[in-house]
PDB file of all heavy atoms in Angstrom:
ATOM      1  N   PHE A   1      42.468 180.778  39.712  1.00  0.00           N
ATOM      2  CA  PHE A   1      43.356 180.963  40.866  1.00  0.00           C
ATOM      3  C   PHE A   1      42.683 180.546  42.172  1.00  0.00           C
ATOM      4  O   PHE A   1      43.262 179.803  42.969  1.00  0.00           O
ATOM      5  CB  PHE A   1      43.790 182.424  40.945  1.00  0.00           C
ATOM      6  CG  PHE A   1      44.570 182.768  42.191  1.00  0.00           C
ATOM      7  CD1 PHE A   1      45.928 182.519  42.267  1.00  0.00           C
ATOM      8  CD2 PHE A   1      43.935 183.342  43.293  1.00  0.00           C
ATOM      9  CE1 PHE A   1      46.645 182.831  43.415  1.00  0.00           C
ATOM     10  CE2 PHE A   1      44.645 183.661  44.440  1.00  0.00           C
ATOM     11  CZ  PHE A   1      46.011 183.400  44.502  1.00  0.00           C
ATOM     12  N   GLU A   2      41.465 181.037  42.429  1.00  0.00           N
ATOM     13  CA  GLU A   2      40.810 180.756  43.712  1.00  0.00           C
ATOM     14  C   GLU A   2      40.579 179.267  43.903  1.00  0.00           C
ATOM     15  O   GLU A   2      40.774 178.735  45.000  1.00  0.00           O
ATOM     16  CB  GLU A   2      39.489 181.528  43.808  1.00  0.00           C
ATOM     17  CG  GLU A   2      39.649 183.024  43.982  1.00  0.00           C
ATOM     18  CD  GLU A   2      39.965 183.763  42.686  1.00  0.00           C
ATOM     19  OE1 GLU A   2      39.868 183.134  41.601  1.00  0.00           O
ATOM     20  OE2 GLU A   2      40.297 184.962  42.762  1.00  0.00           O
ATOM     21  N   GLU A   3      40.177 178.583  42.832  1.00  0.00           N
ATOM     22  CA  GLU A   3      39.984 177.133  42.925  1.00  0.00           C
ATOM     23  C   GLU A   3      41.312 176.445  43.240  1.00  0.00           C
ATOM     24  O   GLU A   3      41.362 175.515  44.060  1.00  0.00           O
ATOM     25  CB  GLU A   3      39.421 176.594  41.620  1.00  0.00           C
ATOM     26  CG  GLU A   3      39.198 175.081  41.650  1.00  0.00           C
ATOM     27  CD  GLU A   3      38.965 174.496  40.279  1.00  0.00           C
ATOM     28  OE1 GLU A   3      39.846 174.646  39.403  1.00  0.00           O
ATOM     29  OE2 GLU A   3      37.914 173.868  40.089  1.00  0.00           O
ATOM     30  N   ALA A   4      42.397 176.898  42.611  1.00  0.00           N
ATOM     31  CA  ALA A   4      43.700 176.304  42.867  1.00  0.00           C
ATOM     32  C   ALA A   4      44.112 176.482  44.327  1.00  0.00           C
ATOM     33  O   ALA A   4      44.675 175.567  44.943  1.00  0.00           O
ATOM     34  CB  ALA A   4      44.753 176.914  41.937  1.00  0.00           C
ATOM     35  N   VAL A   5      43.834 177.648  44.895  1.00  0.00           N
ATOM     36  CA  VAL A   5      44.161 177.887  46.304  1.00  0.00           C
ATOM     37  C   VAL A   5      43.389 176.914  47.193  1.00  0.00           C
ATOM     38  O   VAL A   5      43.955 176.327  48.129  1.00  0.00           O
ATOM     39  CB  VAL A   5      43.861 179.347  46.681  1.00  0.00           C
ATOM     40  CG1 VAL A   5      43.939 179.547  48.197  1.00  0.00           C
ATOM     41  CG2 VAL A   5      44.834 180.287  45.980  1.00  0.00           C
ATOM     42  N   ASP A   6      42.107 176.730  46.914  1.00  0.00           N
ATOM     43  CA  ASP A   6      41.307 175.789  47.703  1.00  0.00           C
ATOM     44  C   ASP A   6      41.861 174.367  47.586  1.00  0.00           C
ATOM     45  O   ASP A   6      41.939 173.629  48.585  1.00  0.00           O
ATOM     46  CB  ASP A   6      39.846 175.818  47.240  1.00  0.00           C
ATOM     47  CG  ASP A   6      39.130 177.099  47.630  1.00  0.00           C
ATOM     48  OD1 ASP A   6      39.610 177.801  48.554  1.00  0.00           O
ATOM     49  OD2 ASP A   6      38.098 177.415  47.009  1.00  0.00           O
ATOM     50  N   LEU A   7      42.248 173.983  46.379  1.00  0.00           N
ATOM     51  CA  LEU A   7      42.804 172.646  46.179  1.00  0.00           C
ATOM     52  C   LEU A   7      44.144 172.497  46.897  1.00  0.00           C
ATOM     53  O   LEU A   7      44.438 171.440  47.466  1.00  0.00           O
ATOM     54  CB  LEU A   7      42.983 172.374  44.682  1.00  0.00           C
ATOM     55  CG  LEU A   7      41.691 172.162  43.887  1.00  0.00           C
ATOM     56  CD1 LEU A   7      41.967 172.175  42.393  1.00  0.00           C
ATOM     57  CD2 LEU A   7      41.021 170.850  44.288  1.00  0.00           C
ATOM     58  N   ALA A   8      44.940 173.547  46.899  1.00  0.00           N
ATOM     59  CA  ALA A   8      46.234 173.489  47.602  1.00  0.00           C
ATOM     60  C   ALA A   8      46.025 173.287  49.093  1.00  0.00           C
ATOM     61  O   ALA A   8      46.774 172.536  49.737  1.00  0.00           O
ATOM     62  CB  ALA A   8      47.020 174.773  47.337  1.00  0.00           C
ATOM     63  N   ARG A   9      45.016 173.936  49.653  1.00  0.00           N
ATOM     64  CA  ARG A   9      44.749 173.790  51.086  1.00  0.00           C
ATOM     65  C   ARG A   9      44.334 172.369  51.438  1.00  0.00           C
ATOM     66  O   ARG A   9      44.624 171.880  52.538  1.00  0.00           O
ATOM     67  CB  ARG A   9      43.645 174.763  51.501  1.00  0.00           C
ATOM     68  CG  ARG A   9      44.082 176.231  51.490  1.00  0.00           C
ATOM     69  CD  ARG A   9      42.904 177.136  51.738  1.00  0.00           C
ATOM     70  NE  ARG A   9      43.286 178.554  51.733  1.00  0.00           N
ATOM     71  CZ  ARG A   9      42.470 179.535  51.393  1.00  0.00           C
ATOM     72  NH1 ARG A   9      41.220 179.278  51.034  1.00  0.00           N
ATOM     73  NH2 ARG A   9      42.902 180.784  51.406  1.00  0.00           N
ATOM     74  N   SER A  10      43.681 171.705  50.505  1.00  0.00           N
ATOM     75  CA  SER A  10      43.229 170.333  50.771  1.00  0.00           C
ATOM     76  C   SER A  10      44.246 169.282  50.333  1.00  0.00           C
ATOM     77  O   SER A  10      43.971 168.082  50.437  1.00  0.00           O
ATOM     78  CB  SER A  10      41.892 170.084  50.057  1.00  0.00           C
ATOM     79  OG  SER A  10      42.045 170.149  48.650  1.00  0.00           O
ATOM     80  N   THR A  11      45.404 169.732  49.843  1.00  0.00           N
ATOM     81  CA  THR A  11      46.440 168.816  49.371  1.00  0.00           C
ATOM     82  C   THR A  11      47.765 169.219  50.005  1.00  0.00           C
ATOM     83  O   THR A  11      48.686 169.697  49.329  1.00  0.00           O
ATOM     84  CB  THR A  11      46.543 168.870  47.828  1.00  0.00           C
ATOM     85  OG1 THR A  11      45.232 168.892  47.259  1.00  0.00           O
ATOM     86  CG2 THR A  11      47.296 167.664  47.277  1.00  0.00           C
ATOM     87  N   PRO A  12      47.921 169.024  51.316  1.00  0.00           N
ATOM     88  CA  PRO A  12      49.070 169.597  52.029  1.00  0.00           C
ATOM     89  C   PRO A  12      50.414 169.006  51.647  1.00  0.00           C
ATOM     90  O   PRO A  12      51.446 169.643  51.877  1.00  0.00           O
ATOM     91  CB  PRO A  12      48.743 169.318  53.502  1.00  0.00           C
ATOM     92  CG  PRO A  12      47.788 168.172  53.480  1.00  0.00           C
ATOM     93  CD  PRO A  12      46.980 168.343  52.229  1.00  0.00           C
ATOM     94  N   ASP A  13      50.450 167.802  51.070  1.00  0.00           N
ATOM     95  CA  ASP A  13      51.725 167.202  50.684  1.00  0.00           C
ATOM     96  C   ASP A  13      52.261 167.738  49.363  1.00  0.00           C
ATOM     97  O   ASP A  13      53.398 167.441  48.990  1.00  0.00           O
ATOM     98  CB  ASP A  13      51.591 165.682  50.566  1.00  0.00           C
ATOM     99  CG  ASP A  13      51.363 165.013  51.914  1.00  0.00           C
ATOM    100  OD1 ASP A  13      51.785 165.592  52.932  1.00  0.00           O
ATOM    101  OD2 ASP A  13      50.758 163.920  51.940  1.00  0.00           O
ATOM    102  N   LEU A  14      51.443 168.498  48.663  1.00  0.00           N
ATOM    103  CA  LEU A  14      51.853 169.063  47.380  1.00  0.00           C
ATOM    104  C   LEU A  14      52.568 170.389  47.621  1.00  0.00           C
ATOM    105  O   LEU A  14      51.983 171.328  48.165  1.00  0.00           O
ATOM    106  CB  LEU A  14      50.626 169.282  46.489  1.00  0.00           C
ATOM    107  CG  LEU A  14      50.878 169.918  45.111  1.00  0.00           C
ATOM    108  CD1 LEU A  14      51.720 168.997  44.236  1.00  0.00           C
ATOM    109  CD2 LEU A  14      49.538 170.227  44.424  1.00  0.00           C
ATOM    110  N   GLY A  15      53.851 170.480  47.254  1.00  0.00           N
ATOM    111  CA  GLY A  15      54.559 171.739  47.360  1.00  0.00           C
ATOM    112  C   GLY A  15      54.007 172.742  46.360  1.00  0.00           C
ATOM    113  O   GLY A  15      53.778 172.393  45.199  1.00  0.00           O
ATOM    114  N   VAL A  16      53.791 173.989  46.796  1.00  0.00           N
ATOM    115  CA  VAL A  16      53.211 175.008  45.921  1.00  0.00           C
ATOM    116  C   VAL A  16      54.138 176.218  45.863  1.00  0.00           C
ATOM    117  O   VAL A  16      54.417 176.843  46.886  1.00  0.00           O
ATOM    118  CB  VAL A  16      51.812 175.446  46.390  1.00  0.00           C
ATOM    119  CG1 VAL A  16      51.241 176.516  45.449  1.00  0.00           C
ATOM    120  CG2 VAL A  16      50.860 174.248  46.443  1.00  0.00           C
ATOM    121  N   GLY A  17      54.610 176.521  44.675  1.00  0.00           N
ATOM    122  CA  GLY A  17      55.429 177.700  44.448  1.00  0.00           C
ATOM    123  C   GLY A  17      54.674 178.726  43.626  1.00  0.00           C
ATOM    124  O   GLY A  17      53.468 178.625  43.408  1.00  0.00           O
ATOM    125  N   LEU A  18      55.398 179.714  43.141  1.00  0.00           N
ATOM    126  CA  LEU A  18      54.824 180.846  42.407  1.00  0.00           C
ATOM    127  C   LEU A  18      55.328 180.822  40.973  1.00  0.00           C
ATOM    128  O   LEU A  18      56.538 180.802  40.725  1.00  0.00           O
ATOM    129  CB  LEU A  18      55.220 182.155  43.099  1.00  0.00           C
ATOM    130  CG  LEU A  18      54.956 183.461  42.362  1.00  0.00           C
ATOM    131  CD1 LEU A  18      53.474 183.622  42.030  1.00  0.00           C
ATOM    132  CD2 LEU A  18      55.438 184.645  43.195  1.00  0.00           C
ATOM    133  N   HIS A  19      54.402 180.857  40.031  1.00  0.00           N
ATOM    134  CA  HIS A  19      54.706 180.870  38.600  1.00  0.00           C
ATOM    135  C   HIS A  19      54.632 182.320  38.126  1.00  0.00           C
ATOM    136  O   HIS A  19      53.596 182.781  37.650  1.00  0.00           O
ATOM    137  CB  HIS A  19      53.685 179.986  37.876  1.00  0.00           C
ATOM    138  CG  HIS A  19      54.116 179.473  36.537  1.00  0.00           C
ATOM    139  ND1 HIS A  19      55.330 178.875  36.318  1.00  0.00           N
ATOM    140  CD2 HIS A  19      53.468 179.450  35.333  1.00  0.00           C
ATOM    141  CE1 HIS A  19      55.417 178.482  35.054  1.00  0.00           C
ATOM    142  NE2 HIS A  19      54.302 178.849  34.434  1.00  0.00           N
ATOM    143  N   LEU A  20      55.727 183.062  38.306  1.00  0.00           N
ATOM    144  CA  LEU A  20      55.724 184.466  37.912  1.00  0.00           C
ATOM    145  C   LEU A  20      55.418 184.590  36.420  1.00  0.00           C
ATOM    146  O   LEU A  20      55.901 183.808  35.602  1.00  0.00           O
ATOM    147  CB  LEU A  20      57.074 185.107  38.223  1.00  0.00           C
ATOM    148  CG  LEU A  20      57.357 185.437  39.688  1.00  0.00           C
ATOM    149  CD1 LEU A  20      58.774 185.989  39.833  1.00  0.00           C
ATOM    150  CD2 LEU A  20      56.342 186.419  40.258  1.00  0.00           C
ATOM    151  N   ASN A  21      54.633 185.624  36.077  1.00  0.00           N
ATOM    152  CA  ASN A  21      54.076 185.695  34.728  1.00  0.00           C
ATOM    153  C   ASN A  21      54.063 187.136  34.234  1.00  0.00           C
ATOM    154  O   ASN A  21      53.444 188.004  34.853  1.00  0.00           O
ATOM    155  CB  ASN A  21      52.650 185.122  34.763  1.00  0.00           C
ATOM    156  CG  ASN A  21      51.958 185.195  33.411  1.00  0.00           C
ATOM    157  OD1 ASN A  21      52.602 185.283  32.376  1.00  0.00           O
ATOM    158  ND2 ASN A  21      50.641 185.165  33.441  1.00  0.00           N
ATOM    159  N   LEU A  22      54.733 187.360  33.118  1.00  0.00           N
ATOM    160  CA  LEU A  22      54.649 188.642  32.419  1.00  0.00           C
ATOM    161  C   LEU A  22      54.243 188.470  30.970  1.00  0.00           C
ATOM    162  O   LEU A  22      54.381 189.396  30.176  1.00  0.00           O
ATOM    163  CB  LEU A  22      56.011 189.367  32.463  1.00  0.00           C
ATOM    164  CG  LEU A  22      56.564 189.805  33.810  1.00  0.00           C
ATOM    165  CD1 LEU A  22      57.915 190.511  33.617  1.00  0.00           C
ATOM    166  CD2 LEU A  22      55.598 190.722  34.550  1.00  0.00           C
ATOM    167  N   VAL A  23      53.720 187.299  30.610  1.00  0.00           N
ATOM    168  CA  VAL A  23      53.506 186.999  29.195  1.00  0.00           C
ATOM    169  C   VAL A  23      52.138 186.419  28.861  1.00  0.00           C
ATOM    170  O   VAL A  23      51.810 186.284  27.678  1.00  0.00           O
ATOM    171  CB  VAL A  23      54.591 186.026  28.678  1.00  0.00           C
ATOM    172  CG1 VAL A  23      55.963 186.658  28.746  1.00  0.00           C
ATOM    173  CG2 VAL A  23      54.581 184.722  29.445  1.00  0.00           C
ATOM    174  N   ARG A  24      51.320 186.074  29.853  1.00  0.00           N
ATOM    175  CA  ARG A  24      50.034 185.426  29.551  1.00  0.00           C
ATOM    176  C   ARG A  24      48.926 186.075  30.360  1.00  0.00           C
ATOM    177  O   ARG A  24      49.067 186.309  31.557  1.00  0.00           O
ATOM    178  CB  ARG A  24      50.104 183.929  29.874  1.00  0.00           C
ATOM    179  CG  ARG A  24      48.842 183.171  29.501  1.00  0.00           C
ATOM    180  CD  ARG A  24      48.942 181.708  29.832  1.00  0.00           C
ATOM    181  NE  ARG A  24      49.922 181.009  29.015  1.00  0.00           N
ATOM    182  CZ  ARG A  24      49.719 180.646  27.745  1.00  0.00           C
ATOM    183  NH1 ARG A  24      48.583 180.937  27.138  1.00  0.00           N
ATOM    184  NH2 ARG A  24      50.660 180.004  27.085  1.00  0.00           N
ATOM    185  N   GLY A  25      47.771 186.320  29.693  1.00  0.00           N
ATOM    186  CA  GLY A  25      46.645 186.930  30.377  1.00  0.00           C
ATOM    187  C   GLY A  25      46.878 188.414  30.625  1.00  0.00           C
ATOM    188  O   GLY A  25      47.597 189.085  29.881  1.00  0.00           O
ATOM    189  N   LYS A  26      46.274 188.913  31.686  1.00  0.00           N
ATOM    190  CA  LYS A  26      46.385 190.328  32.025  1.00  0.00           C
ATOM    191  C   LYS A  26      47.070 190.492  33.375  1.00  0.00           C
ATOM    192  O   LYS A  26      46.950 189.647  34.259  1.00  0.00           O
ATOM    193  CB  LYS A  26      44.992 190.964  32.074  1.00  0.00           C
ATOM    194  CG  LYS A  26      44.305 191.004  30.713  1.00  0.00           C
ATOM    195  CD  LYS A  26      42.955 191.719  30.779  1.00  0.00           C
ATOM    196  CE  LYS A  26      42.323 191.791  29.398  1.00  0.00           C
ATOM    197  NZ  LYS A  26      41.016 192.504  29.416  1.00  0.00           N
ATOM    198  N   PRO A  27      47.794 191.606  33.554  1.00  0.00           N
ATOM    199  CA  PRO A  27      48.496 191.821  34.818  1.00  0.00           C
ATOM    200  C   PRO A  27      47.538 192.128  35.959  1.00  0.00           C
ATOM    201  O   PRO A  27      46.384 192.515  35.747  1.00  0.00           O
ATOM    202  CB  PRO A  27      49.397 193.025  34.520  1.00  0.00           C
ATOM    203  CG  PRO A  27      48.706 193.750  33.421  1.00  0.00           C
ATOM    204  CD  PRO A  27      48.029 192.695  32.591  1.00  0.00           C
ATOM    205  N   LEU A  28      48.040 191.964  37.169  1.00  0.00           N
ATOM    206  CA  LEU A  28      47.284 192.371  38.354  1.00  0.00           C
ATOM    207  C   LEU A  28      47.402 193.872  38.584  1.00  0.00           C
ATOM    208  O   LEU A  28      46.536 194.472  39.212  1.00  0.00           O
ATOM    209  CB  LEU A  28      47.802 191.624  39.583  1.00  0.00           C
ATOM    210  CG  LEU A  28      47.741 190.099  39.538  1.00  0.00           C
ATOM    211  CD1 LEU A  28      48.297 189.516  40.838  1.00  0.00           C
ATOM    212  CD2 LEU A  28      46.314 189.611  39.310  1.00  0.00           C
ATOM    213  N   SER A  29      48.469 194.481  38.084  1.00  0.00           N
ATOM    214  CA  SER A  29      48.679 195.916  38.264  1.00  0.00           C
ATOM    215  C   SER A  29      47.709 196.717  37.411  1.00  0.00           C
ATOM    216  O   SER A  29      47.317 196.277  36.323  1.00  0.00           O
ATOM    217  CB  SER A  29      50.115 196.288  37.860  1.00  0.00           C
ATOM    218  OG  SER A  29      51.067 195.513  38.538  1.00  0.00           O
ATOM    219  N   PRO A  30      47.314 197.903  37.857  1.00  0.00           N
ATOM    220  CA  PRO A  30      46.457 198.766  37.023  1.00  0.00           C
ATOM    221  C   PRO A  30      47.189 199.211  35.773  1.00  0.00           C
ATOM    222  O   PRO A  30      48.436 199.236  35.731  1.00  0.00           O
ATOM    223  CB  PRO A  30      46.139 199.942  37.949  1.00  0.00           C
ATOM    224  CG  PRO A  30      47.232 199.946  38.962  1.00  0.00           C
ATOM    225  CD  PRO A  30      47.631 198.519  39.161  1.00  0.00           C
ATOM    226  N   SER A  31      46.422 199.577  34.740  1.00  0.00           N
ATOM    227  CA  SER A  31      47.024 199.889  33.443  1.00  0.00           C
ATOM    228  C   SER A  31      47.997 201.054  33.518  1.00  0.00           C
ATOM    229  O   SER A  31      49.003 201.083  32.801  1.00  0.00           O
ATOM    230  CB  SER A  31      45.935 200.179  32.414  1.00  0.00           C
ATOM    231  OG  SER A  31      45.108 201.253  32.848  1.00  0.00           O
ATOM    232  N   GLY A  32      47.725 202.018  34.379  1.00  0.00           N
ATOM    233  CA  GLY A  32      48.629 203.153  34.498  1.00  0.00           C
ATOM    234  C   GLY A  32      49.999 202.775  35.018  1.00  0.00           C
ATOM    235  O   GLY A  32      50.985 203.472  34.776  1.00  0.00           O
ATOM    236  N   GLU A  33      50.068 201.651  35.721  1.00  0.00           N
ATOM    237  CA  GLU A  33      51.330 201.171  36.277  1.00  0.00           C
ATOM    238  C   GLU A  33      51.988 200.140  35.385  1.00  0.00           C
ATOM    239  O   GLU A  33      53.208 200.019  35.348  1.00  0.00           O
ATOM    240  CB  GLU A  33      51.049 200.575  37.661  1.00  0.00           C
ATOM    241  CG  GLU A  33      52.256 200.227  38.489  1.00  0.00           C
ATOM    242  CD  GLU A  33      51.832 199.728  39.868  1.00  0.00           C
ATOM    243  OE1 GLU A  33      51.623 198.513  40.016  1.00  0.00           O
ATOM    244  OE2 GLU A  33      51.695 200.569  40.778  1.00  0.00           O
ATOM    245  N   SER A  34      51.175 199.407  34.623  1.00  0.00           N
ATOM    246  CA  SER A  34      51.690 198.275  33.860  1.00  0.00           C
ATOM    247  C   SER A  34      51.814 198.564  32.372  1.00  0.00           C
ATOM    248  O   SER A  34      52.102 197.654  31.595  1.00  0.00           O
ATOM    249  CB  SER A  34      50.764 197.061  34.051  1.00  0.00           C
ATOM    250  OG  SER A  34      49.459 197.338  33.573  1.00  0.00           O
ATOM    251  N   PHE A  35      51.645 199.824  31.936  1.00  0.00           N
ATOM    252  CA  PHE A  35      51.582 200.106  30.502  1.00  0.00           C
ATOM    253  C   PHE A  35      52.803 199.641  29.712  1.00  0.00           C
ATOM    254  O   PHE A  35      52.660 199.260  28.537  1.00  0.00           O
ATOM    255  CB  PHE A  35      51.308 201.597  30.258  1.00  0.00           C
ATOM    256  CG  PHE A  35      52.451 202.513  30.596  1.00  0.00           C
ATOM    257  CD1 PHE A  35      53.395 202.853  29.636  1.00  0.00           C
ATOM    258  CD2 PHE A  35      52.570 203.056  31.865  1.00  0.00           C
ATOM    259  CE1 PHE A  35      54.442 203.701  29.944  1.00  0.00           C
ATOM    260  CE2 PHE A  35      53.619 203.905  32.183  1.00  0.00           C
ATOM    261  CZ  PHE A  35      54.564 204.228  31.222  1.00  0.00           C
ATOM    262  N   PRO A  36      54.037 199.593  30.279  1.00  0.00           N
ATOM    263  CA  PRO A  36      55.145 199.065  29.462  1.00  0.00           C
ATOM    264  C   PRO A  36      55.039 197.569  29.204  1.00  0.00           C
ATOM    265  O   PRO A  36      55.757 197.038  28.354  1.00  0.00           O
ATOM    266  CB  PRO A  36      56.386 199.373  30.310  1.00  0.00           C
ATOM    267  CG  PRO A  36      55.970 200.422  31.270  1.00  0.00           C
ATOM    268  CD  PRO A  36      54.531 200.113  31.575  1.00  0.00           C
ATOM    269  N   LEU A  37      54.158 196.883  29.918  1.00  0.00           N
ATOM    270  CA  LEU A  37      54.052 195.425  29.821  1.00  0.00           C
ATOM    271  C   LEU A  37      52.909 194.966  28.918  1.00  0.00           C
ATOM    272  O   LEU A  37      52.846 193.778  28.575  1.00  0.00           O
ATOM    273  CB  LEU A  37      53.817 194.812  31.212  1.00  0.00           C
ATOM    274  CG  LEU A  37      54.751 195.206  32.356  1.00  0.00           C
ATOM    275  CD1 LEU A  37      54.261 194.581  33.655  1.00  0.00           C
ATOM    276  CD2 LEU A  37      56.174 194.786  32.053  1.00  0.00           C
ATOM    277  N   ILE A  38      51.992 195.863  28.547  1.00  0.00           N
ATOM    278  CA  ILE A  38      50.710 195.430  27.990  1.00  0.00           C
ATOM    279  C   ILE A  38      50.451 195.994  26.603  1.00  0.00           C
ATOM    280  O   ILE A  38      51.024 196.999  26.192  1.00  0.00           O
ATOM    281  CB  ILE A  38      49.550 195.815  28.926  1.00  0.00           C
ATOM    282  CG1 ILE A  38      49.475 197.331  29.109  1.00  0.00           C
ATOM    283  CG2 ILE A  38      49.688 195.102  30.269  1.00  0.00           C
ATOM    284  CD1 ILE A  38      48.281 197.805  29.914  1.00  0.00           C
ATOM    285  N   ARG A  39      49.518 195.326  25.927  1.00  0.00           N
ATOM    286  CA  ARG A  39      49.017 195.826  24.654  1.00  0.00           C
ATOM    287  C   ARG A  39      47.976 196.912  24.940  1.00  0.00           C
ATOM    288  O   ARG A  39      47.103 196.723  25.801  1.00  0.00           O
ATOM    289  CB  ARG A  39      48.364 194.702  23.851  1.00  0.00           C
ATOM    290  CG  ARG A  39      49.302 193.556  23.522  1.00  0.00           C
ATOM    291  CD  ARG A  39      48.687 192.586  22.514  1.00  0.00           C
ATOM    292  NE  ARG A  39      47.464 191.975  23.015  1.00  0.00           N
ATOM    293  CZ  ARG A  39      47.294 190.657  23.182  1.00  0.00           C
ATOM    294  NH1 ARG A  39      48.269 189.826  22.909  1.00  0.00           N
ATOM    295  NH2 ARG A  39      46.152 190.181  23.612  1.00  0.00           N
ATOM    296  N   PRO A  40      48.015 198.027  24.240  1.00  0.00           N
ATOM    297  CA  PRO A  40      47.079 199.107  24.553  1.00  0.00           C
ATOM    298  C   PRO A  40      45.639 198.796  24.197  1.00  0.00           C
ATOM    299  O   PRO A  40      44.711 199.369  24.765  1.00  0.00           O
ATOM    300  CB  PRO A  40      47.614 200.284  23.716  1.00  0.00           C
ATOM    301  CG  PRO A  40      48.425 199.654  22.630  1.00  0.00           C
ATOM    302  CD  PRO A  40      49.003 198.410  23.216  1.00  0.00           C
ATOM    303  N   ASP A  41      45.406 197.852  23.273  1.00  0.00           N
ATOM    304  CA  ASP A  41      44.034 197.603  22.826  1.00  0.00           C
ATOM    305  C   ASP A  41      43.211 196.816  23.836  1.00  0.00           C
ATOM    306  O   ASP A  41      42.022 197.105  24.044  1.00  0.00           O
ATOM    307  CB  ASP A  41      44.029 196.887  21.471  1.00  0.00           C
ATOM    308  CG  ASP A  41      44.834 195.597  21.475  1.00  0.00           C
ATOM    309  OD1 ASP A  41      45.682 195.435  22.373  1.00  0.00           O
ATOM    310  OD2 ASP A  41      44.603 194.756  20.588  1.00  0.00           O
ATOM    311  N   ASP A  42      43.820 195.813  24.490  1.00  0.00           N
ATOM    312  CA  ASP A  42      43.044 194.961  25.392  1.00  0.00           C
ATOM    313  C   ASP A  42      43.643 194.805  26.787  1.00  0.00           C
ATOM    314  O   ASP A  42      43.073 194.132  27.642  1.00  0.00           O
ATOM    315  CB  ASP A  42      42.826 193.586  24.768  1.00  0.00           C
ATOM    316  CG  ASP A  42      44.139 192.830  24.513  1.00  0.00           C
ATOM    317  OD1 ASP A  42      45.216 193.385  24.826  1.00  0.00           O
ATOM    318  OD2 ASP A  42      44.076 191.706  23.992  1.00  0.00           O
ATOM    319  N   GLY A  43      44.800 195.399  27.038  1.00  0.00           N
ATOM    320  CA  GLY A  43      45.399 195.327  28.369  1.00  0.00           C
ATOM    321  C   GLY A  43      46.066 194.016  28.700  1.00  0.00           C
ATOM    322  O   GLY A  43      46.483 193.807  29.843  1.00  0.00           O
ATOM    323  N   ALA A  44      46.184 193.104  27.721  1.00  0.00           N
ATOM    324  CA  ALA A  44      46.868 191.829  27.951  1.00  0.00           C
ATOM    325  C   ALA A  44      48.381 192.031  27.829  1.00  0.00           C
ATOM    326  O   ALA A  44      48.847 192.988  27.207  1.00  0.00           O
ATOM    327  CB  ALA A  44      46.396 190.774  26.960  1.00  0.00           C
ATOM    328  N   PHE A  45      49.121 191.122  28.430  1.00  0.00           N
ATOM    329  CA  PHE A  45      50.579 191.200  28.351  1.00  0.00           C
ATOM    330  C   PHE A  45      51.048 191.190  26.891  1.00  0.00           C
ATOM    331  O   PHE A  45      50.507 190.461  26.059  1.00  0.00           O
ATOM    332  CB  PHE A  45      51.227 190.027  29.069  1.00  0.00           C
ATOM    333  CG  PHE A  45      51.255 190.140  30.564  1.00  0.00           C
ATOM    334  CD1 PHE A  45      50.631 189.179  31.363  1.00  0.00           C
ATOM    335  CD2 PHE A  45      51.900 191.199  31.199  1.00  0.00           C
ATOM    336  CE1 PHE A  45      50.656 189.272  32.741  1.00  0.00           C
ATOM    337  CE2 PHE A  45      51.931 191.302  32.577  1.00  0.00           C
ATOM    338  CZ  PHE A  45      51.309 190.343  33.348  1.00  0.00           C
TER     339      PHE A  45
END
């Protein structure tokens, strides 16, 4: 993510939107808030 943000800043003609995600990787929310979304063993979606 951080590298992508840096690249976006240096590429001003590239439109950048948001790829909402509930299915890949781990959520940004803490486990106590995101438990309906995640696997209990590893906290991934």
